[in-house]
Amino acid sequence: MRITVEEGASGLSIIYADDGKGIEDSRKEEIFDLESGHHGLYLAKKVLALTGIRIRELGKEGEGARFEILVPRGSYRRTENRNGSDLLER
Protein backbone atom coordinates (compact mmCIF):
# COMPACT_ATOMS: atom_id res chain seq x y z
CA MET A 1 0.00 0.00 0.00
CA ARG A 2 1.25 3.48 -0.91
CA ILE A 3 -0.22 6.89 -0.21
CA THR A 4 1.19 9.82 -2.14
CA VAL A 5 0.27 13.48 -2.57
CA GLU A 6 0.71 15.38 -5.82
CA GLU A 7 -0.06 19.02 -6.49
CA GLY A 8 -1.13 19.98 -10.00
CA ALA A 9 -2.76 22.85 -11.87
CA SER A 10 -6.28 21.84 -10.84
CA GLY A 11 -5.47 21.09 -7.19
CA LEU A 12 -4.21 18.38 -4.90
CA SER A 13 -4.35 14.64 -5.62
CA ILE A 14 -4.16 12.23 -2.70
CA ILE A 15 -3.51 8.78 -4.12
CA TYR A 16 -3.98 5.44 -2.39
CA ALA A 17 -2.54 2.52 -4.37
CA ASP A 18 -2.12 -1.15 -3.56
CA ASP A 19 -0.81 -4.22 -5.36
CA GLY A 20 -3.92 -6.37 -4.97
CA LYS A 21 -6.08 -7.80 -7.72
CA GLY A 22 -7.53 -4.44 -8.72
CA ILE A 23 -11.03 -3.59 -9.88
CA GLU A 24 -12.60 -4.54 -13.20
CA ASP A 25 -13.01 -1.60 -15.59
CA SER A 26 -16.75 -2.28 -15.84
CA ARG A 27 -17.13 -1.85 -12.04
CA LYS A 28 -15.06 1.33 -11.44
CA GLU A 29 -18.09 3.63 -11.19
CA GLU A 30 -20.38 0.98 -9.73
CA ILE A 31 -18.27 0.50 -6.60
CA PHE A 32 -19.35 3.95 -5.41
CA ASP A 33 -23.08 3.12 -5.69
CA LEU A 34 -25.08 2.18 -2.61
CA GLU A 35 -26.41 -0.95 -4.30
CA SER A 36 -22.88 -2.29 -4.90
CA GLY A 37 -22.51 -3.35 -1.28
CA HIS A 38 -19.42 -1.15 -0.83
CA HIS A 39 -21.13 1.10 1.67
CA GLY A 40 -17.88 2.66 2.85
CA LEU A 41 -16.95 3.81 -0.66
CA TYR A 42 -20.48 5.09 -1.25
CA LEU A 43 -20.38 7.07 2.00
CA ALA A 44 -16.87 8.38 1.34
CA LYS A 45 -17.87 9.70 -2.09
CA LYS A 46 -20.99 11.41 -0.70
CA VAL A 47 -19.19 13.04 2.24
CA LEU A 48 -16.28 14.21 0.09
CA ALA A 49 -18.72 15.64 -2.49
CA LEU A 50 -20.25 17.86 0.21
CA THR A 51 -16.92 19.68 0.41
CA GLY A 52 -16.23 19.76 -3.34
CA ILE A 53 -13.76 16.89 -3.22
CA ARG A 54 -14.01 14.01 -5.70
CA ILE A 55 -12.85 10.41 -5.52
CA ARG A 56 -12.31 8.01 -8.40
CA GLU A 57 -10.69 4.65 -9.04
CA LEU A 58 -7.90 4.61 -11.64
CA GLY A 59 -6.14 1.28 -11.08
CA LYS A 60 -5.71 -1.55 -13.54
CA GLU A 61 -7.26 -4.95 -13.04
CA GLY A 62 -4.55 -7.41 -12.09
CA GLU A 63 -2.18 -4.65 -10.93
CA GLY A 64 -4.04 -3.23 -7.93
CA ALA A 65 -6.46 -0.52 -6.92
CA ARG A 66 -5.59 3.17 -7.24
CA PHE A 67 -7.97 5.62 -5.62
CA GLU A 68 -7.43 9.30 -6.33
CA ILE A 69 -8.98 11.96 -4.09
CA LEU A 70 -9.06 15.31 -5.89
CA VAL A 71 -9.04 18.43 -3.69
CA PRO A 72 -9.71 21.59 -5.76
CA ARG A 73 -7.20 24.40 -5.78
CA GLY A 74 -8.16 26.96 -3.15
CA SER A 75 -9.60 24.28 -0.82
CA TYR A 76 -6.30 23.63 0.96
CA ARG A 77 -3.26 25.60 2.02
CA ARG A 78 0.40 25.01 2.65
CA THR A 79 1.83 25.56 6.12
CA GLU A 80 5.13 24.88 7.77
CA ASN A 81 5.47 22.51 10.74
CA ARG A 82 7.86 22.94 13.66
CA ASN A 83 10.65 21.17 11.79
CA GLY A 84 10.38 23.59 8.89
CA SER A 85 9.00 21.04 6.46
CA ASP A 86 6.02 21.75 4.25
CA LEU A 87 2.54 20.56 5.25
CA LEU A 88 -0.80 20.68 3.45
CA GLU A 89 -3.97 21.54 5.33
CA ARG A 90 -7.61 21.40 4.35
PDB file of N, CA and C in Angstrom:
ATOM      1  N   MET A   1       0.844  -1.164   0.000  1.00  0.00           N
ATOM      2  CA  MET A   1       0.000   0.000   0.000  1.00  0.00           C
ATOM      3  C   MET A   1       0.896   1.236   0.000  1.00  0.00           C
ATOM      4  N   ARG A   2       0.526   2.204  -0.843  1.00  0.00           N
ATOM      5  CA  ARG A   2       1.253   3.477  -0.914  1.00  0.00           C
ATOM      6  C   ARG A   2       0.246   4.620  -0.888  1.00  0.00           C
ATOM      7  N   ILE A   3       0.584   5.670  -0.186  1.00  0.00           N
ATOM      8  CA  ILE A   3      -0.215   6.890  -0.208  1.00  0.00           C
ATOM      9  C   ILE A   3       0.726   8.015  -0.600  1.00  0.00           C
ATOM     10  N   THR A   4       0.371   8.713  -1.668  1.00  0.00           N
ATOM     11  CA  THR A   4       1.185   9.822  -2.142  1.00  0.00           C
ATOM     12  C   THR A   4       0.301  11.053  -2.323  1.00  0.00           C
ATOM     13  N   VAL A   5       0.952  12.206  -2.357  1.00  0.00           N
ATOM     14  CA  VAL A   5       0.270  13.475  -2.568  1.00  0.00           C
ATOM     15  C   VAL A   5       0.967  14.190  -3.713  1.00  0.00           C
ATOM     16  N   GLU A   6       0.166  14.654  -4.676  1.00  0.00           N
ATOM     17  CA  GLU A   6       0.708  15.377  -5.821  1.00  0.00           C
ATOM     18  C   GLU A   6      -0.089  16.661  -6.002  1.00  0.00           C
ATOM     19  N   GLU A   7       0.619  17.758  -6.242  1.00  0.00           N
ATOM     20  CA  GLU A   7      -0.065  19.022  -6.486  1.00  0.00           C
ATOM     21  C   GLU A   7       0.039  19.348  -7.968  1.00  0.00           C
ATOM     22  N   GLY A   8      -1.089  19.656  -8.580  1.00  0.00           N
ATOM     23  CA  GLY A   8      -1.129  19.983  -9.996  1.00  0.00           C
ATOM     24  C   GLY A   8      -1.885  21.273 -10.235  1.00  0.00           C
ATOM     25  N   ALA A   9      -2.092  21.599 -11.490  1.00  0.00           N
ATOM     26  CA  ALA A   9      -2.759  22.849 -11.870  1.00  0.00           C
ATOM     27  C   ALA A   9      -4.183  22.937 -11.334  1.00  0.00           C
ATOM     28  N   SER A  10      -4.882  21.801 -11.262  1.00  0.00           N
ATOM     29  CA  SER A  10      -6.276  21.838 -10.835  1.00  0.00           C
ATOM     30  C   SER A  10      -6.444  21.630  -9.328  1.00  0.00           C
ATOM     31  N   GLY A  11      -5.381  21.279  -8.630  1.00  0.00           N
ATOM     32  CA  GLY A  11      -5.472  21.089  -7.190  1.00  0.00           C
ATOM     33  C   GLY A  11      -4.573  19.984  -6.680  1.00  0.00           C
ATOM     34  N   LEU A  12      -4.997  19.380  -5.609  1.00  0.00           N
ATOM     35  CA  LEU A  12      -4.208  18.380  -4.902  1.00  0.00           C
ATOM     36  C   LEU A  12      -4.779  16.989  -5.145  1.00  0.00           C
ATOM     37  N   SER A  13      -3.933  16.030  -5.459  1.00  0.00           N
ATOM     38  CA  SER A  13      -4.349  14.640  -5.621  1.00  0.00           C
ATOM     39  C   SER A  13      -3.741  13.818  -4.495  1.00  0.00           C
ATOM     40  N   ILE A  14      -4.599  13.166  -3.734  1.00  0.00           N
ATOM     41  CA  ILE A  14      -4.163  12.229  -2.703  1.00  0.00           C
ATOM     42  C   ILE A  14      -4.434  10.850  -3.270  1.00  0.00           C
ATOM     43  N   ILE A  15      -3.388  10.045  -3.416  1.00  0.00           N
ATOM     44  CA  ILE A  15      -3.508   8.776  -4.115  1.00  0.00           C
ATOM     45  C   ILE A  15      -3.205   7.618  -3.183  1.00  0.00           C
ATOM     46  N   TYR A  16      -4.154   6.695  -3.118  1.00  0.00           N
ATOM     47  CA  TYR A  16      -3.980   5.437  -2.394  1.00  0.00           C
ATOM     48  C   TYR A  16      -3.832   4.359  -3.450  1.00  0.00           C
ATOM     49  N   ALA A  17      -2.755   3.597  -3.407  1.00  0.00           N
ATOM     50  CA  ALA A  17      -2.536   2.520  -4.366  1.00  0.00           C
ATOM     51  C   ALA A  17      -2.099   1.268  -3.629  1.00  0.00           C
ATOM     52  N   ASP A  18      -2.569   0.121  -4.119  1.00  0.00           N
ATOM     53  CA  ASP A  18      -2.119  -1.146  -3.559  1.00  0.00           C
ATOM     54  C   ASP A  18      -1.754  -2.096  -4.696  1.00  0.00           C
ATOM     55  N   ASP A  19      -1.223  -3.251  -4.347  1.00  0.00           N
ATOM     56  CA  ASP A  19      -0.809  -4.220  -5.362  1.00  0.00           C
ATOM     57  C   ASP A  19      -1.702  -5.455  -5.337  1.00  0.00           C
ATOM     58  N   GLY A  20      -2.961  -5.268  -5.001  1.00  0.00           N
ATOM     59  CA  GLY A  20      -3.922  -6.370  -4.972  1.00  0.00           C
ATOM     60  C   GLY A  20      -4.395  -6.739  -6.368  1.00  0.00           C
ATOM     61  N   LYS A  21      -5.569  -7.338  -6.426  1.00  0.00           N
ATOM     62  CA  LYS A  21      -6.081  -7.805  -7.720  1.00  0.00           C
ATOM     63  C   LYS A  21      -6.701  -6.696  -8.561  1.00  0.00           C
ATOM     64  N   GLY A  22      -6.966  -5.548  -7.968  1.00  0.00           N
ATOM     65  CA  GLY A  22      -7.526  -4.440  -8.725  1.00  0.00           C
ATOM     66  C   GLY A  22      -9.034  -4.561  -8.897  1.00  0.00           C
ATOM     67  N   ILE A  23      -9.591  -3.646  -9.661  1.00  0.00           N
ATOM     68  CA  ILE A  23     -11.030  -3.585  -9.880  1.00  0.00           C
ATOM     69  C   ILE A  23     -11.299  -3.603 -11.377  1.00  0.00           C
ATOM     70  N   GLU A  24     -12.245  -4.430 -11.781  1.00  0.00           N
ATOM     71  CA  GLU A  24     -12.602  -4.537 -13.198  1.00  0.00           C
ATOM     72  C   GLU A  24     -13.032  -3.175 -13.736  1.00  0.00           C
ATOM     73  N   ASP A  25     -12.651  -2.877 -14.984  1.00  0.00           N
ATOM     74  CA  ASP A  25     -13.013  -1.603 -15.592  1.00  0.00           C
ATOM     75  C   ASP A  25     -14.522  -1.366 -15.558  1.00  0.00           C
ATOM     76  N   SER A  26     -15.297  -2.407 -15.782  1.00  0.00           N
ATOM     77  CA  SER A  26     -16.753  -2.279 -15.835  1.00  0.00           C
ATOM     78  C   SER A  26     -17.370  -1.946 -14.471  1.00  0.00           C
ATOM     79  N   ARG A  27     -16.598  -2.078 -13.394  1.00  0.00           N
ATOM     80  CA  ARG A  27     -17.126  -1.845 -12.043  1.00  0.00           C
ATOM     81  C   ARG A  27     -16.592  -0.572 -11.393  1.00  0.00           C
ATOM     82  N   LYS A  28     -15.721   0.171 -12.060  1.00  0.00           N
ATOM     83  CA  LYS A  28     -15.064   1.330 -11.443  1.00  0.00           C
ATOM     84  C   LYS A  28     -16.046   2.371 -10.928  1.00  0.00           C
ATOM     85  N   GLU A  29     -17.090   2.666 -11.653  1.00  0.00           N
ATOM     86  CA  GLU A  29     -18.094   3.634 -11.189  1.00  0.00           C
ATOM     87  C   GLU A  29     -19.080   2.969 -10.242  1.00  0.00           C
ATOM     88  N   GLU A  30     -19.398   1.733 -10.515  1.00  0.00           N
ATOM     89  CA  GLU A  30     -20.381   0.984  -9.732  1.00  0.00           C
ATOM     90  C   GLU A  30     -19.985   0.831  -8.266  1.00  0.00           C
ATOM     91  N   ILE A  31     -18.696   0.735  -7.978  1.00  0.00           N
ATOM     92  CA  ILE A  31     -18.267   0.496  -6.596  1.00  0.00           C
ATOM     93  C   ILE A  31     -18.625   1.637  -5.659  1.00  0.00           C
ATOM     94  N   PHE A  32     -18.963   2.805  -6.228  1.00  0.00           N
ATOM     95  CA  PHE A  32     -19.349   3.951  -5.410  1.00  0.00           C
ATOM     96  C   PHE A  32     -20.863   4.062  -5.238  1.00  0.00           C
ATOM     97  N   ASP A  33     -21.627   3.122  -5.819  1.00  0.00           N
ATOM     98  CA  ASP A  33     -23.084   3.124  -5.693  1.00  0.00           C
ATOM     99  C   ASP A  33     -23.504   2.376  -4.436  1.00  0.00           C
ATOM    100  N   LEU A  34     -24.574   2.812  -3.827  1.00  0.00           N
ATOM    101  CA  LEU A  34     -25.080   2.182  -2.608  1.00  0.00           C
ATOM    102  C   LEU A  34     -25.426   0.721  -2.836  1.00  0.00           C
ATOM    103  N   GLU A  35     -25.980   0.422  -3.998  1.00  0.00           N
ATOM    104  CA  GLU A  35     -26.412  -0.946  -4.303  1.00  0.00           C
ATOM    105  C   GLU A  35     -25.248  -1.926  -4.493  1.00  0.00           C
ATOM    106  N   SER A  36     -24.036  -1.418  -4.638  1.00  0.00           N
ATOM    107  CA  SER A  36     -22.884  -2.292  -4.897  1.00  0.00           C
ATOM    108  C   SER A  36     -22.474  -3.102  -3.677  1.00  0.00           C
ATOM    109  N   GLY A  37     -22.917  -2.670  -2.506  1.00  0.00           N
ATOM    110  CA  GLY A  37     -22.511  -3.354  -1.279  1.00  0.00           C
ATOM    111  C   GLY A  37     -21.252  -2.771  -0.660  1.00  0.00           C
ATOM    112  N   HIS A  38     -20.620  -1.828  -1.358  1.00  0.00           N
ATOM    113  CA  HIS A  38     -19.419  -1.153  -0.832  1.00  0.00           C
ATOM    114  C   HIS A  38     -19.864   0.121  -0.128  1.00  0.00           C
ATOM    115  N   HIS A  39     -20.533  -0.039   0.998  1.00  0.00           N
ATOM    116  CA  HIS A  39     -21.135   1.103   1.672  1.00  0.00           C
ATOM    117  C   HIS A  39     -20.114   2.150   2.097  1.00  0.00           C
ATOM    118  N   GLY A  40     -18.920   1.713   2.448  1.00  0.00           N
ATOM    119  CA  GLY A  40     -17.878   2.656   2.850  1.00  0.00           C
ATOM    120  C   GLY A  40     -17.467   3.568   1.702  1.00  0.00           C
ATOM    121  N   LEU A  41     -17.321   3.000   0.498  1.00  0.00           N
ATOM    122  CA  LEU A  41     -16.953   3.807  -0.658  1.00  0.00           C
ATOM    123  C   LEU A  41     -18.090   4.745  -1.054  1.00  0.00           C
ATOM    124  N   TYR A  42     -19.319   4.256  -0.965  1.00  0.00           N
ATOM    125  CA  TYR A  42     -20.480   5.092  -1.250  1.00  0.00           C
ATOM    126  C   TYR A  42     -20.502   6.289  -0.298  1.00  0.00           C
ATOM    127  N   LEU A  43     -20.353   6.022   0.993  1.00  0.00           N
ATOM    128  CA  LEU A  43     -20.383   7.075   1.997  1.00  0.00           C
ATOM    129  C   LEU A  43     -19.217   8.049   1.820  1.00  0.00           C
ATOM    130  N   ALA A  44     -18.039   7.524   1.545  1.00  0.00           N
ATOM    131  CA  ALA A  44     -16.869   8.383   1.345  1.00  0.00           C
ATOM    132  C   ALA A  44     -17.110   9.346   0.187  1.00  0.00           C
ATOM    133  N   LYS A  45     -17.631   8.846  -0.924  1.00  0.00           N
ATOM    134  CA  LYS A  45     -17.874   9.701  -2.088  1.00  0.00           C
ATOM    135  C   LYS A  45     -18.887  10.789  -1.753  1.00  0.00           C
ATOM    136  N   LYS A  46     -19.958  10.435  -1.046  1.00  0.00           N
ATOM    137  CA  LYS A  46     -20.994  11.413  -0.697  1.00  0.00           C
ATOM    138  C   LYS A  46     -20.466  12.482   0.258  1.00  0.00           C
ATOM    139  N   VAL A  47     -19.725  12.082   1.268  1.00  0.00           N
ATOM    140  CA  VAL A  47     -19.191  13.038   2.242  1.00  0.00           C
ATOM    141  C   VAL A  47     -18.163  13.956   1.581  1.00  0.00           C
ATOM    142  N   LEU A  48     -17.277  13.389   0.781  1.00  0.00           N
ATOM    143  CA  LEU A  48     -16.284  14.214   0.090  1.00  0.00           C
ATOM    144  C   LEU A  48     -16.954  15.203  -0.856  1.00  0.00           C
ATOM    145  N   ALA A  49     -18.011  14.766  -1.542  1.00  0.00           N
ATOM    146  CA  ALA A  49     -18.717  15.640  -2.488  1.00  0.00           C
ATOM    147  C   ALA A  49     -19.310  16.862  -1.788  1.00  0.00           C
ATOM    148  N   LEU A  50     -19.694  16.717  -0.540  1.00  0.00           N
ATOM    149  CA  LEU A  50     -20.248  17.856   0.213  1.00  0.00           C
ATOM    150  C   LEU A  50     -19.240  18.997   0.333  1.00  0.00           C
ATOM    151  N   THR A  51     -17.971  18.674   0.275  1.00  0.00           N
ATOM    152  CA  THR A  51     -16.919  19.682   0.409  1.00  0.00           C
ATOM    153  C   THR A  51     -16.243  19.994  -0.930  1.00  0.00           C
ATOM    154  N   GLY A  52     -16.794  19.489  -2.024  1.00  0.00           N
ATOM    155  CA  GLY A  52     -16.230  19.762  -3.345  1.00  0.00           C
ATOM    156  C   GLY A  52     -15.082  18.856  -3.730  1.00  0.00           C
ATOM    157  N   ILE A  53     -14.844  17.829  -2.944  1.00  0.00           N
ATOM    158  CA  ILE A  53     -13.755  16.887  -3.216  1.00  0.00           C
ATOM    159  C   ILE A  53     -14.321  15.677  -3.959  1.00  0.00           C
ATOM    160  N   ARG A  54     -13.571  15.174  -4.929  1.00  0.00           N
ATOM    161  CA  ARG A  54     -14.009  14.009  -5.702  1.00  0.00           C
ATOM    162  C   ARG A  54     -13.094  12.820  -5.423  1.00  0.00           C
ATOM    163  N   ILE A  55     -13.640  11.630  -5.620  1.00  0.00           N
ATOM    164  CA  ILE A  55     -12.852  10.408  -5.516  1.00  0.00           C
ATOM    165  C   ILE A  55     -13.154   9.557  -6.735  1.00  0.00           C
ATOM    166  N   ARG A  56     -12.133   8.904  -7.265  1.00  0.00           N
ATOM    167  CA  ARG A  56     -12.313   8.007  -8.403  1.00  0.00           C
ATOM    168  C   ARG A  56     -11.290   6.886  -8.311  1.00  0.00           C
ATOM    169  N   GLU A  57     -11.573   5.814  -9.030  1.00  0.00           N
ATOM    170  CA  GLU A  57     -10.687   4.650  -9.039  1.00  0.00           C
ATOM    171  C   GLU A  57     -10.013   4.595 -10.395  1.00  0.00           C
ATOM    172  N   LEU A  58      -8.670   4.556 -10.400  1.00  0.00           N
ATOM    173  CA  LEU A  58      -7.904   4.611 -11.643  1.00  0.00           C
ATOM    174  C   LEU A  58      -6.959   3.425 -11.838  1.00  0.00           C
ATOM    175  N   GLY A  59      -7.056   2.417 -10.988  1.00  0.00           N
ATOM    176  CA  GLY A  59      -6.139   1.281 -11.076  1.00  0.00           C
ATOM    177  C   GLY A  59      -6.411   0.400 -12.283  1.00  0.00           C
ATOM    178  N   LYS A  60      -5.561  -0.589 -12.450  1.00  0.00           N
ATOM    179  CA  LYS A  60      -5.707  -1.547 -13.542  1.00  0.00           C
ATOM    180  C   LYS A  60      -5.959  -2.922 -12.953  1.00  0.00           C
ATOM    181  N   GLU A  61      -6.947  -3.599 -13.505  1.00  0.00           N
ATOM    182  CA  GLU A  61      -7.259  -4.946 -13.044  1.00  0.00           C
ATOM    183  C   GLU A  61      -6.015  -5.824 -13.170  1.00  0.00           C
ATOM    184  N   GLY A  62      -5.723  -6.554 -12.118  1.00  0.00           N
ATOM    185  CA  GLY A  62      -4.551  -7.414 -12.094  1.00  0.00           C
ATOM    186  C   GLY A  62      -3.306  -6.733 -11.548  1.00  0.00           C
ATOM    187  N   GLU A  63      -3.337  -5.402 -11.423  1.00  0.00           N
ATOM    188  CA  GLU A  63      -2.178  -4.650 -10.928  1.00  0.00           C
ATOM    189  C   GLU A  63      -2.451  -3.939  -9.613  1.00  0.00           C
ATOM    190  N   GLY A  64      -3.708  -3.867  -9.198  1.00  0.00           N
ATOM    191  CA  GLY A  64      -4.040  -3.230  -7.931  1.00  0.00           C
ATOM    192  C   GLY A  64      -5.006  -2.075  -8.081  1.00  0.00           C
ATOM    193  N   ALA A  65      -5.543  -1.667  -6.960  1.00  0.00           N
ATOM    194  CA  ALA A  65      -6.459  -0.522  -6.925  1.00  0.00           C
ATOM    195  C   ALA A  65      -5.647   0.759  -6.818  1.00  0.00           C
ATOM    196  N   ARG A  66      -6.216   1.837  -7.335  1.00  0.00           N
ATOM    197  CA  ARG A  66      -5.595   3.167  -7.241  1.00  0.00           C
ATOM    198  C   ARG A  66      -6.726   4.179  -7.097  1.00  0.00           C
ATOM    199  N   PHE A  67      -6.936   4.633  -5.882  1.00  0.00           N
ATOM    200  CA  PHE A  67      -7.967   5.622  -5.618  1.00  0.00           C
ATOM    201  C   PHE A  67      -7.321   6.998  -5.588  1.00  0.00           C
ATOM    202  N   GLU A  68      -7.927   7.930  -6.296  1.00  0.00           N
ATOM    203  CA  GLU A  68      -7.432   9.298  -6.327  1.00  0.00           C
ATOM    204  C   GLU A  68      -8.494  10.209  -5.725  1.00  0.00           C
ATOM    205  N   ILE A  69      -8.106  10.967  -4.722  1.00  0.00           N
ATOM    206  CA  ILE A  69      -8.979  11.955  -4.095  1.00  0.00           C
ATOM    207  C   ILE A  69      -8.507  13.315  -4.603  1.00  0.00           C
ATOM    208  N   LEU A  70      -9.409  14.041  -5.264  1.00  0.00           N
ATOM    209  CA  LEU A  70      -9.061  15.313  -5.886  1.00  0.00           C
ATOM    210  C   LEU A  70      -9.593  16.477  -5.063  1.00  0.00           C
ATOM    211  N   VAL A  71      -8.685  17.265  -4.501  1.00  0.00           N
ATOM    212  CA  VAL A  71      -9.037  18.432  -3.690  1.00  0.00           C
ATOM    213  C   VAL A  71      -8.810  19.658  -4.567  1.00  0.00           C
ATOM    214  N   PRO A  72      -9.865  20.442  -4.856  1.00  0.00           N
ATOM    215  CA  PRO A  72      -9.715  21.587  -5.755  1.00  0.00           C
ATOM    216  C   PRO A  72      -8.761  22.643  -5.213  1.00  0.00           C
ATOM    217  N   ARG A  73      -8.077  23.294  -6.148  1.00  0.00           N
ATOM    218  CA  ARG A  73      -7.198  24.401  -5.779  1.00  0.00           C
ATOM    219  C   ARG A  73      -8.027  25.427  -5.019  1.00  0.00           C
ATOM    220  N   GLY A  74      -7.466  25.992  -3.973  1.00  0.00           N
ATOM    221  CA  GLY A  74      -8.163  26.959  -3.146  1.00  0.00           C
ATOM    222  C   GLY A  74      -8.890  26.327  -1.962  1.00  0.00           C
ATOM    223  N   SER A  75      -8.929  24.982  -1.921  1.00  0.00           N
ATOM    224  CA  SER A  75      -9.598  24.278  -0.820  1.00  0.00           C
ATOM    225  C   SER A  75      -8.601  23.742   0.201  1.00  0.00           C
ATOM    226  N   TYR A  76      -7.340  24.055   0.029  1.00  0.00           N
ATOM    227  CA  TYR A  76      -6.295  23.628   0.959  1.00  0.00           C
ATOM    228  C   TYR A  76      -5.230  24.708   0.976  1.00  0.00           C
ATOM    229  N   ARG A  77      -4.355  24.638   1.951  1.00  0.00           N
ATOM    230  CA  ARG A  77      -3.260  25.602   2.020  1.00  0.00           C
ATOM    231  C   ARG A  77      -2.004  24.922   2.520  1.00  0.00           C
ATOM    232  N   ARG A  78      -0.896  25.506   2.189  1.00  0.00           N
ATOM    233  CA  ARG A  78       0.401  25.010   2.650  1.00  0.00           C
ATOM    234  C   ARG A  78       0.775  25.730   3.935  1.00  0.00           C
ATOM    235  N   THR A  79       1.305  24.980   4.886  1.00  0.00           N
ATOM    236  CA  THR A  79       1.826  25.560   6.121  1.00  0.00           C
ATOM    237  C   THR A  79       3.170  24.914   6.412  1.00  0.00           C
ATOM    238  N   GLU A  80       3.843  25.425   7.385  1.00  0.00           N
ATOM    239  CA  GLU A  80       5.133  24.875   7.773  1.00  0.00           C
ATOM    240  C   GLU A  80       5.013  24.307   9.176  1.00  0.00           C
ATOM    241  N   ASN A  81       5.530  23.079   9.391  1.00  0.00           N
ATOM    242  CA  ASN A  81       5.473  22.514  10.737  1.00  0.00           C
ATOM    243  C   ASN A  81       6.685  22.973  11.546  1.00  0.00           C
ATOM    244  N   ARG A  82       6.776  22.518  12.757  1.00  0.00           N
ATOM    245  CA  ARG A  82       7.855  22.942  13.663  1.00  0.00           C
ATOM    246  C   ARG A  82       9.245  22.618  13.132  1.00  0.00           C
ATOM    247  N   ASN A  83       9.352  21.576  12.335  1.00  0.00           N
ATOM    248  CA  ASN A  83      10.652  21.172  11.794  1.00  0.00           C
ATOM    249  C   ASN A  83      11.006  21.926  10.540  1.00  0.00           C
ATOM    250  N   GLY A  84      10.109  22.810  10.083  1.00  0.00           N
ATOM    251  CA  GLY A  84      10.383  23.591   8.886  1.00  0.00           C
ATOM    252  C   GLY A  84       9.964  22.918   7.601  1.00  0.00           C
ATOM    253  N   SER A  85       9.421  21.705   7.682  1.00  0.00           N
ATOM    254  CA  SER A  85       8.996  21.041   6.455  1.00  0.00           C
ATOM    255  C   SER A  85       7.593  21.474   6.078  1.00  0.00           C
ATOM    256  N   ASP A  86       7.276  21.318   4.824  1.00  0.00           N
ATOM    257  CA  ASP A  86       6.020  21.753   4.246  1.00  0.00           C
ATOM    258  C   ASP A  86       4.887  20.803   4.599  1.00  0.00           C
ATOM    259  N   LEU A  87       3.733  21.341   4.983  1.00  0.00           N
ATOM    260  CA  LEU A  87       2.542  20.556   5.249  1.00  0.00           C
ATOM    261  C   LEU A  87       1.393  21.097   4.413  1.00  0.00           C
ATOM    262  N   LEU A  88       0.418  20.251   4.136  1.00  0.00           N
ATOM    263  CA  LEU A  88      -0.795  20.682   3.447  1.00  0.00           C
ATOM    264  C   LEU A  88      -1.941  20.553   4.406  1.00  0.00           C
ATOM    265  N   GLU A  89      -2.797  21.564   4.441  1.00  0.00           N
ATOM    266  CA  GLU A  89      -3.968  21.536   5.330  1.00  0.00           C
ATOM    267  C   GLU A  89      -5.219  21.742   4.503  1.00  0.00           C
ATOM    268  N   ARG A  90      -6.303  21.198   4.976  1.00  0.00           N
ATOM    269  CA  ARG A  90      -7.608  21.397   4.348  1.00  0.00           C
ATOM    270  C   ARG A  90      -8.325  22.446   5.120  1.00  0.00           C
TER     271      ARG A  90
END
